[in-house]
Every structure is written in structure tokens, then in C-alpha cells.
């Protein structure tokens, strides 16, 4: 449960949107702190 590469949102093939993280949060999607901190994923 400590995976840090989770996107803020995912969208399945039917078009349904899921939110995984709070809006004002950061993750390790790119593995660059500055870029990840400034980004929604």
C-alpha cells in the first residue's frame, strides 16, 4: 500500500473517471520531485 507512482486520476475504456489522490497532493509519476510536485497526473 506504499506505492507512490499512483496517478491522481485514471480513466477506463468506457470513459469513467476515478480519483485516487487528493487534488493538492504529489506523487512519483515522473520520478522528478519538481515536475511531480507541480503536476496533476
ModelCIF file with pLDDT and N, C-alpha, C, O atoms, coordinates in Angstrom:
data_MODEL
#
_entry.id   MODEL 
#
_entity.id                         1 
_entity.type                       polymer 
_entity.pdbx_number_of_molecules   1 
#
_entity_poly.entity_id                      1 
_entity_poly.type                           'polypeptide(L)' 
_entity_poly.nstd_linkage                   no 
_entity_poly.nstd_monomer                   no 
_entity_poly.pdbx_seq_one_letter_code       
;(UNK)(UNK)(UNK)(UNK)(UNK)(UNK)(UNK)(UNK)(UNK)(UNK)(UNK)(UNK)(UNK)(UNK)(UNK)(UNK)
(UNK)(UNK)(UNK)(UNK)(UNK)(UNK)(UNK)(UNK)(UNK)(UNK)(UNK)(UNK)(UNK)(UNK)(UNK)(UNK)
(UNK)(UNK)(UNK)(UNK)(UNK)(UNK)(UNK)(UNK)(UNK)
;
_entity_poly.pdbx_seq_one_letter_code_can   XXXXXXXXXXXXXXXXXXXXXXXXXXXXXXXXXXXXXXXXX 
_entity_poly.pdbx_strand_id                 A 
#
loop_
_entity_poly_seq.entity_id 
_entity_poly_seq.num 
_entity_poly_seq.mon_id 
_entity_poly_seq.hetero 
1 1  UNK n 
1 2  UNK n 
1 3  UNK n 
1 4  UNK n 
1 5  UNK n 
1 6  UNK n 
1 7  UNK n 
1 8  UNK n 
1 9  UNK n 
1 10 UNK n 
1 11 UNK n 
1 12 UNK n 
1 13 UNK n 
1 14 UNK n 
1 15 UNK n 
1 16 UNK n 
1 17 UNK n 
1 18 UNK n 
1 19 UNK n 
1 20 UNK n 
1 21 UNK n 
1 22 UNK n 
1 23 UNK n 
1 24 UNK n 
1 25 UNK n 
1 26 UNK n 
1 27 UNK n 
1 28 UNK n 
1 29 UNK n 
1 30 UNK n 
1 31 UNK n 
1 32 UNK n 
1 33 UNK n 
1 34 UNK n 
1 35 UNK n 
1 36 UNK n 
1 37 UNK n 
1 38 UNK n 
1 39 UNK n 
1 40 UNK n 
1 41 UNK n 
#
_struct_asym.id          A 
_struct_asym.entity_id   1 
#
loop_
_ma_qa_metric.id 
_ma_qa_metric.mode 
_ma_qa_metric.name 
_ma_qa_metric.software_group_id 
_ma_qa_metric.type 
1 global pLDDT . pLDDT 
2 local  pLDDT . pLDDT 
#
_ma_qa_metric_global.metric_id      1 
_ma_qa_metric_global.metric_value   91.56 
_ma_qa_metric_global.model_id       1 
_ma_qa_metric_global.ordinal_id     1 
#
loop_
_ma_qa_metric_local.label_asym_id 
_ma_qa_metric_local.label_comp_id 
_ma_qa_metric_local.label_seq_id 
_ma_qa_metric_local.metric_id 
_ma_qa_metric_local.metric_value 
_ma_qa_metric_local.model_id 
_ma_qa_metric_local.ordinal_id 
A UNK 1  2 67.00 1 1  
A UNK 2  2 68.00 1 2  
A UNK 3  2 74.00 1 3  
A UNK 4  2 80.00 1 4  
A UNK 5  2 86.00 1 5  
A UNK 6  2 88.00 1 6  
A UNK 7  2 94.00 1 7  
A UNK 8  2 94.00 1 8  
A UNK 9  2 96.00 1 9  
A UNK 10 2 96.00 1 10 
A UNK 11 2 97.00 1 11 
A UNK 12 2 97.00 1 12 
A UNK 13 2 96.00 1 13 
A UNK 14 2 96.00 1 14 
A UNK 15 2 96.00 1 15 
A UNK 16 2 96.00 1 16 
A UNK 17 2 96.00 1 17 
A UNK 18 2 95.00 1 18 
A UNK 19 2 93.00 1 19 
A UNK 20 2 90.00 1 20 
A UNK 21 2 90.00 1 21 
A UNK 22 2 90.00 1 22 
A UNK 23 2 92.00 1 23 
A UNK 24 2 90.00 1 24 
A UNK 25 2 92.00 1 25 
A UNK 26 2 91.00 1 26 
A UNK 27 2 90.00 1 27 
A UNK 28 2 91.00 1 28 
A UNK 29 2 94.00 1 29 
A UNK 30 2 94.00 1 30 
A UNK 31 2 93.00 1 31 
A UNK 32 2 94.00 1 32 
A UNK 33 2 92.00 1 33 
A UNK 34 2 94.00 1 34 
A UNK 35 2 96.00 1 35 
A UNK 36 2 95.00 1 36 
A UNK 37 2 95.00 1 37 
A UNK 38 2 95.00 1 38 
A UNK 39 2 97.00 1 39 
A UNK 40 2 97.00 1 40 
A UNK 41 2 97.00 1 41 
#
loop_
_atom_site.group_PDB 
_atom_site.id 
_atom_site.type_symbol 
_atom_site.label_atom_id 
_atom_site.label_alt_id 
_atom_site.label_comp_id 
_atom_site.label_asym_id 
_atom_site.label_entity_id 
_atom_site.label_seq_id 
_atom_site.pdbx_PDB_ins_code 
_atom_site.Cartn_x 
_atom_site.Cartn_y 
_atom_site.Cartn_z 
_atom_site.occupancy 
_atom_site.B_iso_or_equiv 
_atom_site.pdbx_formal_charge 
_atom_site.auth_seq_id 
_atom_site.auth_comp_id 
_atom_site.auth_asym_id 
_atom_site.auth_atom_id 
_atom_site.pdbx_PDB_model_num 
ATOM 1   N N  . UNK A 1 1  ? 0.791   -1.223 0.000   1.00 67.00 ? 1  UNK A N  1 
ATOM 2   C CA . UNK A 1 1  ? 0.000   0.000  0.000   1.00 67.00 ? 1  UNK A CA 1 
ATOM 3   C C  . UNK A 1 1  ? 0.823   1.272  0.000   1.00 67.00 ? 1  UNK A C  1 
ATOM 4   O O  . UNK A 1 1  ? 0.278   2.360  0.184   1.00 67.00 ? 1  UNK A O  1 
ATOM 5   N N  . UNK A 1 2  ? 2.137   1.154  -0.205  1.00 68.00 ? 2  UNK A N  1 
ATOM 6   C CA . UNK A 1 2  ? 3.009   2.327  -0.161  1.00 68.00 ? 2  UNK A CA 1 
ATOM 7   C C  . UNK A 1 2  ? 3.527   2.719  -1.544  1.00 68.00 ? 2  UNK A C  1 
ATOM 8   O O  . UNK A 1 2  ? 4.511   3.450  -1.654  1.00 68.00 ? 2  UNK A O  1 
ATOM 9   N N  . UNK A 1 3  ? 2.869   2.236  -2.596  1.00 74.00 ? 3  UNK A N  1 
ATOM 10  C CA . UNK A 1 3  ? 3.242   2.596  -3.966  1.00 74.00 ? 3  UNK A CA 1 
ATOM 11  C C  . UNK A 1 3  ? 3.011   4.087  -4.172  1.00 74.00 ? 3  UNK A C  1 
ATOM 12  O O  . UNK A 1 3  ? 1.911   4.586  -3.936  1.00 74.00 ? 3  UNK A O  1 
ATOM 13  N N  . UNK A 1 4  ? 4.049   4.802  -4.615  1.00 80.00 ? 4  UNK A N  1 
ATOM 14  C CA . UNK A 1 4  ? 3.967   6.257  -4.741  1.00 80.00 ? 4  UNK A CA 1 
ATOM 15  C C  . UNK A 1 4  ? 3.812   6.733  -6.183  1.00 80.00 ? 4  UNK A C  1 
ATOM 16  O O  . UNK A 1 4  ? 3.833   7.936  -6.446  1.00 80.00 ? 4  UNK A O  1 
ATOM 17  N N  . UNK A 1 5  ? 3.655   5.791  -7.121  1.00 86.00 ? 5  UNK A N  1 
ATOM 18  C CA . UNK A 1 5  ? 3.538   6.187  -8.521  1.00 86.00 ? 5  UNK A CA 1 
ATOM 19  C C  . UNK A 1 5  ? 2.114   6.283  -9.016  1.00 86.00 ? 5  UNK A C  1 
ATOM 20  O O  . UNK A 1 5  ? 1.879   6.395  -10.219 1.00 86.00 ? 5  UNK A O  1 
ATOM 21  N N  . UNK A 1 6  ? 1.156   6.241  -8.095  1.00 88.00 ? 6  UNK A N  1 
ATOM 22  C CA . UNK A 1 6  ? -0.259  6.302  -8.467  1.00 88.00 ? 6  UNK A CA 1 
ATOM 23  C C  . UNK A 1 6  ? -0.610  7.646  -9.096  1.00 88.00 ? 6  UNK A C  1 
ATOM 24  O O  . UNK A 1 6  ? -0.185  8.695  -8.612  1.00 88.00 ? 6  UNK A O  1 
ATOM 25  N N  . UNK A 1 7  ? -1.382  7.610  -10.170 1.00 94.00 ? 7  UNK A N  1 
ATOM 26  C CA . UNK A 1 7  ? -1.864  8.851  -10.780 1.00 94.00 ? 7  UNK A CA 1 
ATOM 27  C C  . UNK A 1 7  ? -2.964  9.464  -9.926  1.00 94.00 ? 7  UNK A C  1 
ATOM 28  O O  . UNK A 1 7  ? -3.640  8.766  -9.171  1.00 94.00 ? 7  UNK A O  1 
ATOM 29  N N  . UNK A 1 8  ? -3.139  10.782 -10.054 1.00 94.00 ? 8  UNK A N  1 
ATOM 30  C CA . UNK A 1 8  ? -4.257  11.432 -9.376  1.00 94.00 ? 8  UNK A CA 1 
ATOM 31  C C  . UNK A 1 8  ? -5.592  10.868 -9.865  1.00 94.00 ? 8  UNK A C  1 
ATOM 32  O O  . UNK A 1 8  ? -6.529  10.681 -9.089  1.00 94.00 ? 8  UNK A O  1 
ATOM 33  N N  . UNK A 1 9  ? -5.652  10.604 -11.165 1.00 96.00 ? 9  UNK A N  1 
ATOM 34  C CA . UNK A 1 9  ? -6.887  10.111 -11.779 1.00 96.00 ? 9  UNK A CA 1 
ATOM 35  C C  . UNK A 1 9  ? -6.563  8.971  -12.743 1.00 96.00 ? 9  UNK A C  1 
ATOM 36  O O  . UNK A 1 9  ? -5.454  8.884  -13.268 1.00 96.00 ? 9  UNK A O  1 
ATOM 37  N N  . UNK A 1 10 ? -7.542  8.106  -12.965 1.00 96.00 ? 10 UNK A N  1 
ATOM 38  C CA . UNK A 1 10 ? -7.473  7.146  -14.061 1.00 96.00 ? 10 UNK A CA 1 
ATOM 39  C C  . UNK A 1 10 ? -8.796  7.204  -14.816 1.00 96.00 ? 10 UNK A C  1 
ATOM 40  O O  . UNK A 1 10 ? -9.828  7.576  -14.257 1.00 96.00 ? 10 UNK A O  1 
ATOM 41  N N  . UNK A 1 11 ? -8.751  6.834  -16.086 1.00 97.00 ? 11 UNK A N  1 
ATOM 42  C CA . UNK A 1 11 ? -9.952  6.831  -16.928 1.00 97.00 ? 11 UNK A CA 1 
ATOM 43  C C  . UNK A 1 11 ? -10.015 5.483  -17.639 1.00 97.00 ? 11 UNK A C  1 
ATOM 44  O O  . UNK A 1 11 ? -9.106  5.132  -18.391 1.00 97.00 ? 11 UNK A O  1 
ATOM 45  N N  . UNK A 1 12 ? -11.089 4.726  -17.400 1.00 97.00 ? 12 UNK A N  1 
ATOM 46  C CA . UNK A 1 12 ? -11.189 3.417  -18.039 1.00 97.00 ? 12 UNK A CA 1 
ATOM 47  C C  . UNK A 1 12 ? -11.662 3.560  -19.478 1.00 97.00 ? 12 UNK A C  1 
ATOM 48  O O  . UNK A 1 12 ? -11.956 4.664  -19.936 1.00 97.00 ? 12 UNK A O  1 
ATOM 49  N N  . UNK A 1 13 ? -11.734 2.437  -20.188 1.00 96.00 ? 13 UNK A N  1 
ATOM 50  C CA . UNK A 1 13 ? -12.036 2.499  -21.623 1.00 96.00 ? 13 UNK A CA 1 
ATOM 51  C C  . UNK A 1 13 ? -13.483 2.870  -21.923 1.00 96.00 ? 13 UNK A C  1 
ATOM 52  O O  . UNK A 1 13 ? -13.811 3.207  -23.060 1.00 96.00 ? 13 UNK A O  1 
ATOM 53  N N  . UNK A 1 14 ? -14.354 2.812  -20.913 1.00 96.00 ? 14 UNK A N  1 
ATOM 54  C CA . UNK A 1 14 ? -15.729 3.278  -21.117 1.00 96.00 ? 14 UNK A CA 1 
ATOM 55  C C  . UNK A 1 14 ? -15.841 4.787  -20.942 1.00 96.00 ? 14 UNK A C  1 
ATOM 56  O O  . UNK A 1 14 ? -16.867 5.384  -21.268 1.00 96.00 ? 14 UNK A O  1 
ATOM 57  N N  . UNK A 1 15 ? -14.766 5.404  -20.419 1.00 96.00 ? 15 UNK A N  1 
ATOM 58  C CA . UNK A 1 15 ? -14.770 6.842  -20.190 1.00 96.00 ? 15 UNK A CA 1 
ATOM 59  C C  . UNK A 1 15 ? -15.029 7.239  -18.745 1.00 96.00 ? 15 UNK A C  1 
ATOM 60  O O  . UNK A 1 15 ? -15.131 8.428  -18.442 1.00 96.00 ? 15 UNK A O  1 
ATOM 61  N N  . UNK A 1 16 ? -15.137 6.264  -17.848 1.00 96.00 ? 16 UNK A N  1 
ATOM 62  C CA . UNK A 1 16 ? -15.391 6.585  -16.444 1.00 96.00 ? 16 UNK A CA 1 
ATOM 63  C C  . UNK A 1 16 ? -14.105 7.079  -15.783 1.00 96.00 ? 16 UNK A C  1 
ATOM 64  O O  . UNK A 1 16 ? -13.029 6.513  -15.976 1.00 96.00 ? 16 UNK A O  1 
ATOM 65  N N  . UNK A 1 17 ? -14.245 8.144  -15.002 1.00 96.00 ? 17 UNK A N  1 
ATOM 66  C CA . UNK A 1 17 ? -13.110 8.782  -14.341 1.00 96.00 ? 17 UNK A CA 1 
ATOM 67  C C  . UNK A 1 17 ? -13.064 8.378  -12.871 1.00 96.00 ? 17 UNK A C  1 
ATOM 68  O O  . UNK A 1 17 ? -14.084 8.393  -12.181 1.00 96.00 ? 17 UNK A O  1 
ATOM 69  N N  . UNK A 1 18 ? -11.869 8.015  -12.397 1.00 95.00 ? 18 UNK A N  1 
ATOM 70  C CA . UNK A 1 18 ? -11.671 7.650  -10.991 1.00 95.00 ? 18 UNK A CA 1 
ATOM 71  C C  . UNK A 1 18 ? -10.609 8.561  -10.386 1.00 95.00 ? 18 UNK A C  1 
ATOM 72  O O  . UNK A 1 18 ? -9.597  8.851  -11.024 1.00 95.00 ? 18 UNK A O  1 
ATOM 73  N N  . UNK A 1 19 ? -10.841 9.006  -9.165  1.00 93.00 ? 19 UNK A N  1 
ATOM 74  C CA . UNK A 1 19 ? -9.860  9.826  -8.460  1.00 93.00 ? 19 UNK A CA 1 
ATOM 75  C C  . UNK A 1 19 ? -9.182  8.994  -7.375  1.00 93.00 ? 19 UNK A C  1 
ATOM 76  O O  . UNK A 1 19 ? -9.855  8.386  -6.543  1.00 93.00 ? 19 UNK A O  1 
ATOM 77  N N  . UNK A 1 20 ? -7.836  8.968  -7.386  1.00 90.00 ? 20 UNK A N  1 
ATOM 78  C CA . UNK A 1 20 ? -7.067  8.174  -6.441  1.00 90.00 ? 20 UNK A CA 1 
ATOM 79  C C  . UNK A 1 20 ? -6.378  9.014  -5.368  1.00 90.00 ? 20 UNK A C  1 
ATOM 80  O O  . UNK A 1 20 ? -6.146  8.534  -4.259  1.00 90.00 ? 20 UNK A O  1 
ATOM 81  N N  . UNK A 1 21 ? -6.054  10.256 -5.689  1.00 90.00 ? 21 UNK A N  1 
ATOM 82  C CA . UNK A 1 21 ? -5.316  11.124 -4.780  1.00 90.00 ? 21 UNK A CA 1 
ATOM 83  C C  . UNK A 1 21 ? -6.038  12.454 -4.605  1.00 90.00 ? 21 UNK A C  1 
ATOM 84  O O  . UNK A 1 21 ? -6.785  12.865 -5.494  1.00 90.00 ? 21 UNK A O  1 
ATOM 85  N N  . UNK A 1 22 ? -5.834  13.133 -3.486  1.00 90.00 ? 22 UNK A N  1 
ATOM 86  C CA . UNK A 1 22 ? -6.388  14.482 -3.316  1.00 90.00 ? 22 UNK A CA 1 
ATOM 87  C C  . UNK A 1 22 ? -5.818  15.419 -4.383  1.00 90.00 ? 22 UNK A C  1 
ATOM 88  O O  . UNK A 1 22 ? -4.742  15.173 -4.927  1.00 90.00 ? 22 UNK A O  1 
ATOM 89  N N  . UNK A 1 23 ? -6.548  16.488 -4.672  1.00 92.00 ? 23 UNK A N  1 
ATOM 90  C CA . UNK A 1 23 ? -6.095  17.420 -5.707  1.00 92.00 ? 23 UNK A CA 1 
ATOM 91  C C  . UNK A 1 23 ? -4.702  17.978 -5.390  1.00 92.00 ? 23 UNK A C  1 
ATOM 92  O O  . UNK A 1 23 ? -3.807  17.921 -6.234  1.00 92.00 ? 23 UNK A O  1 
ATOM 93  N N  . UNK A 1 24 ? -4.517  18.507 -4.202  1.00 90.00 ? 24 UNK A N  1 
ATOM 94  C CA . UNK A 1 24 ? -3.265  19.171 -3.858  1.00 90.00 ? 24 UNK A CA 1 
ATOM 95  C C  . UNK A 1 24 ? -2.294  18.195 -3.204  1.00 90.00 ? 24 UNK A C  1 
ATOM 96  O O  . UNK A 1 24 ? -1.862  18.381 -2.066  1.00 90.00 ? 24 UNK A O  1 
ATOM 97  N N  . UNK A 1 25 ? -1.966  17.157 -3.956  1.00 92.00 ? 25 UNK A N  1 
ATOM 98  C CA . UNK A 1 25 ? -1.009  16.154 -3.489  1.00 92.00 ? 25 UNK A CA 1 
ATOM 99  C C  . UNK A 1 25 ? 0.009   15.907 -4.591  1.00 92.00 ? 25 UNK A C  1 
ATOM 100 O O  . UNK A 1 25 ? -0.200  16.290 -5.742  1.00 92.00 ? 25 UNK A O  1 
ATOM 101 N N  . UNK A 1 26 ? 1.104   15.268 -4.228  1.00 91.00 ? 26 UNK A N  1 
ATOM 102 C CA . UNK A 1 26 ? 2.135   14.932 -5.203  1.00 91.00 ? 26 UNK A CA 1 
ATOM 103 C C  . UNK A 1 26 ? 2.418   13.433 -5.157  1.00 91.00 ? 26 UNK A C  1 
ATOM 104 O O  . UNK A 1 26 ? 2.118   12.761 -4.171  1.00 91.00 ? 26 UNK A O  1 
ATOM 105 N N  . UNK A 1 27 ? 2.998   12.926 -6.233  1.00 90.00 ? 27 UNK A N  1 
ATOM 106 C CA . UNK A 1 27 ? 3.330   11.502 -6.314  1.00 90.00 ? 27 UNK A CA 1 
ATOM 107 C C  . UNK A 1 27 ? 4.689   11.355 -7.008  1.00 90.00 ? 27 UNK A C  1 
ATOM 108 O O  . UNK A 1 27 ? 5.450   12.318 -7.103  1.00 90.00 ? 27 UNK A O  1 
ATOM 109 N N  . UNK A 1 28 ? 4.982   10.162 -7.486  1.00 91.00 ? 28 UNK A N  1 
ATOM 110 C CA . UNK A 1 28 ? 6.257   9.937  -8.182  1.00 91.00 ? 28 UNK A CA 1 
ATOM 111 C C  . UNK A 1 28 ? 5.976   9.384  -9.577  1.00 91.00 ? 28 UNK A C  1 
ATOM 112 O O  . UNK A 1 28 ? 6.481   8.322  -9.942  1.00 91.00 ? 28 UNK A O  1 
ATOM 113 N N  . UNK A 1 29 ? 5.192   10.087 -10.332 1.00 94.00 ? 29 UNK A N  1 
ATOM 114 C CA . UNK A 1 29 ? 4.766   9.665  -11.658 1.00 94.00 ? 29 UNK A CA 1 
ATOM 115 C C  . UNK A 1 29 ? 5.913   9.777  -12.659 1.00 94.00 ? 29 UNK A C  1 
ATOM 116 O O  . UNK A 1 29 ? 6.069   8.924  -13.533 1.00 94.00 ? 29 UNK A O  1 
ATOM 117 N N  . UNK A 1 30 ? 6.711   10.831 -12.526 1.00 94.00 ? 30 UNK A N  1 
ATOM 118 C CA . UNK A 1 30 ? 7.852   11.069 -13.410 1.00 94.00 ? 30 UNK A CA 1 
ATOM 119 C C  . UNK A 1 30 ? 9.162   10.719 -12.717 1.00 94.00 ? 30 UNK A C  1 
ATOM 120 O O  . UNK A 1 30 ? 10.175  10.497 -13.381 1.00 94.00 ? 30 UNK A O  1 
ATOM 121 N N  . UNK A 1 31 ? 9.152   10.669 -11.407 1.00 93.00 ? 31 UNK A N  1 
ATOM 122 C CA . UNK A 1 31 ? 10.360  10.450 -10.602 1.00 93.00 ? 31 UNK A CA 1 
ATOM 123 C C  . UNK A 1 31 ? 11.281  11.668 -10.632 1.00 93.00 ? 31 UNK A C  1 
ATOM 124 O O  . UNK A 1 31 ? 12.502  11.536 -10.542 1.00 93.00 ? 31 UNK A O  1 
ATOM 125 N N  . UNK A 1 32 ? 10.691  12.842 -10.757 1.00 94.00 ? 32 UNK A N  1 
ATOM 126 C CA . UNK A 1 32 ? 11.415  14.101 -10.628 1.00 94.00 ? 32 UNK A CA 1 
ATOM 127 C C  . UNK A 1 32 ? 10.596  14.966 -9.682  1.00 94.00 ? 32 UNK A C  1 
ATOM 128 O O  . UNK A 1 32 ? 9.462   15.323 -10.002 1.00 94.00 ? 32 UNK A O  1 
ATOM 129 N N  . UNK A 1 33 ? 11.149  15.308 -8.521  1.00 92.00 ? 33 UNK A N  1 
ATOM 130 C CA . UNK A 1 33 ? 10.337  15.942 -7.487  1.00 92.00 ? 33 UNK A CA 1 
ATOM 131 C C  . UNK A 1 33 ? 9.675   17.226 -7.968  1.00 92.00 ? 33 UNK A C  1 
ATOM 132 O O  . UNK A 1 33 ? 8.479   17.417 -7.748  1.00 92.00 ? 33 UNK A O  1 
ATOM 133 N N  . UNK A 1 34 ? 10.422  18.105 -8.617  1.00 94.00 ? 34 UNK A N  1 
ATOM 134 C CA . UNK A 1 34 ? 9.866   19.391 -9.031  1.00 94.00 ? 34 UNK A CA 1 
ATOM 135 C C  . UNK A 1 34 ? 8.719   19.203 -10.018 1.00 94.00 ? 34 UNK A C  1 
ATOM 136 O O  . UNK A 1 34 ? 7.659   19.815 -9.881  1.00 94.00 ? 34 UNK A O  1 
ATOM 137 N N  . UNK A 1 35 ? 8.945   18.349 -11.013 1.00 96.00 ? 35 UNK A N  1 
ATOM 138 C CA . UNK A 1 35 ? 7.905   18.122 -12.023 1.00 96.00 ? 35 UNK A CA 1 
ATOM 139 C C  . UNK A 1 35 ? 6.684   17.470 -11.404 1.00 96.00 ? 35 UNK A C  1 
ATOM 140 O O  . UNK A 1 35 ? 5.558   17.907 -11.644 1.00 96.00 ? 35 UNK A O  1 
ATOM 141 N N  . UNK A 1 36 ? 6.893   16.424 -10.608 1.00 95.00 ? 36 UNK A N  1 
ATOM 142 C CA . UNK A 1 36 ? 5.769   15.733 -9.981  1.00 95.00 ? 36 UNK A CA 1 
ATOM 143 C C  . UNK A 1 36 ? 4.985   16.648 -9.048  1.00 95.00 ? 36 UNK A C  1 
ATOM 144 O O  . UNK A 1 36 ? 3.757   16.581 -8.993  1.00 95.00 ? 36 UNK A O  1 
ATOM 145 N N  . UNK A 1 37 ? 5.691   17.498 -8.320  1.00 95.00 ? 37 UNK A N  1 
ATOM 146 C CA . UNK A 1 37 ? 5.036   18.375 -7.354  1.00 95.00 ? 37 UNK A CA 1 
ATOM 147 C C  . UNK A 1 37 ? 4.146   19.406 -8.040  1.00 95.00 ? 37 UNK A C  1 
ATOM 148 O O  . UNK A 1 37 ? 3.155   19.853 -7.464  1.00 95.00 ? 37 UNK A O  1 
ATOM 149 N N  . UNK A 1 38 ? 4.493   19.780 -9.258  1.00 95.00 ? 38 UNK A N  1 
ATOM 150 C CA . UNK A 1 38 ? 3.748   20.813 -9.984  1.00 95.00 ? 38 UNK A CA 1 
ATOM 151 C C  . UNK A 1 38 ? 2.668   20.239 -10.900 1.00 95.00 ? 38 UNK A C  1 
ATOM 152 O O  . UNK A 1 38 ? 2.032   20.983 -11.646 1.00 95.00 ? 38 UNK A O  1 
ATOM 153 N N  . UNK A 1 39 ? 2.456   18.923 -10.851 1.00 97.00 ? 39 UNK A N  1 
ATOM 154 C CA . UNK A 1 39 ? 1.628   18.285 -11.870 1.00 97.00 ? 39 UNK A CA 1 
ATOM 155 C C  . UNK A 1 39 ? 0.430   17.531 -11.310 1.00 97.00 ? 39 UNK A C  1 
ATOM 156 O O  . UNK A 1 39 ? 0.480   16.945 -10.228 1.00 97.00 ? 39 UNK A O  1 
ATOM 157 N N  . UNK A 1 40 ? -0.659  17.568 -12.094 1.00 97.00 ? 40 UNK A N  1 
ATOM 158 C CA . UNK A 1 40 ? -1.726  16.585 -11.965 1.00 97.00 ? 40 UNK A CA 1 
ATOM 159 C C  . UNK A 1 40 ? -1.382  15.447 -12.918 1.00 97.00 ? 40 UNK A C  1 
ATOM 160 O O  . UNK A 1 40 ? -0.835  15.685 -13.994 1.00 97.00 ? 40 UNK A O  1 
ATOM 161 N N  . UNK A 1 41 ? -1.697  14.212 -12.532 1.00 97.00 ? 41 UNK A N  1 
ATOM 162 C CA . UNK A 1 41 ? -1.380  13.071 -13.381 1.00 97.00 ? 41 UNK A CA 1 
ATOM 163 C C  . UNK A 1 41 ? -2.639  12.265 -13.685 1.00 97.00 ? 41 UNK A C  1 
ATOM 164 O O  . UNK A 1 41 ? -2.573  11.258 -14.391 1.00 97.00 ? 41 UNK A O  1 
#
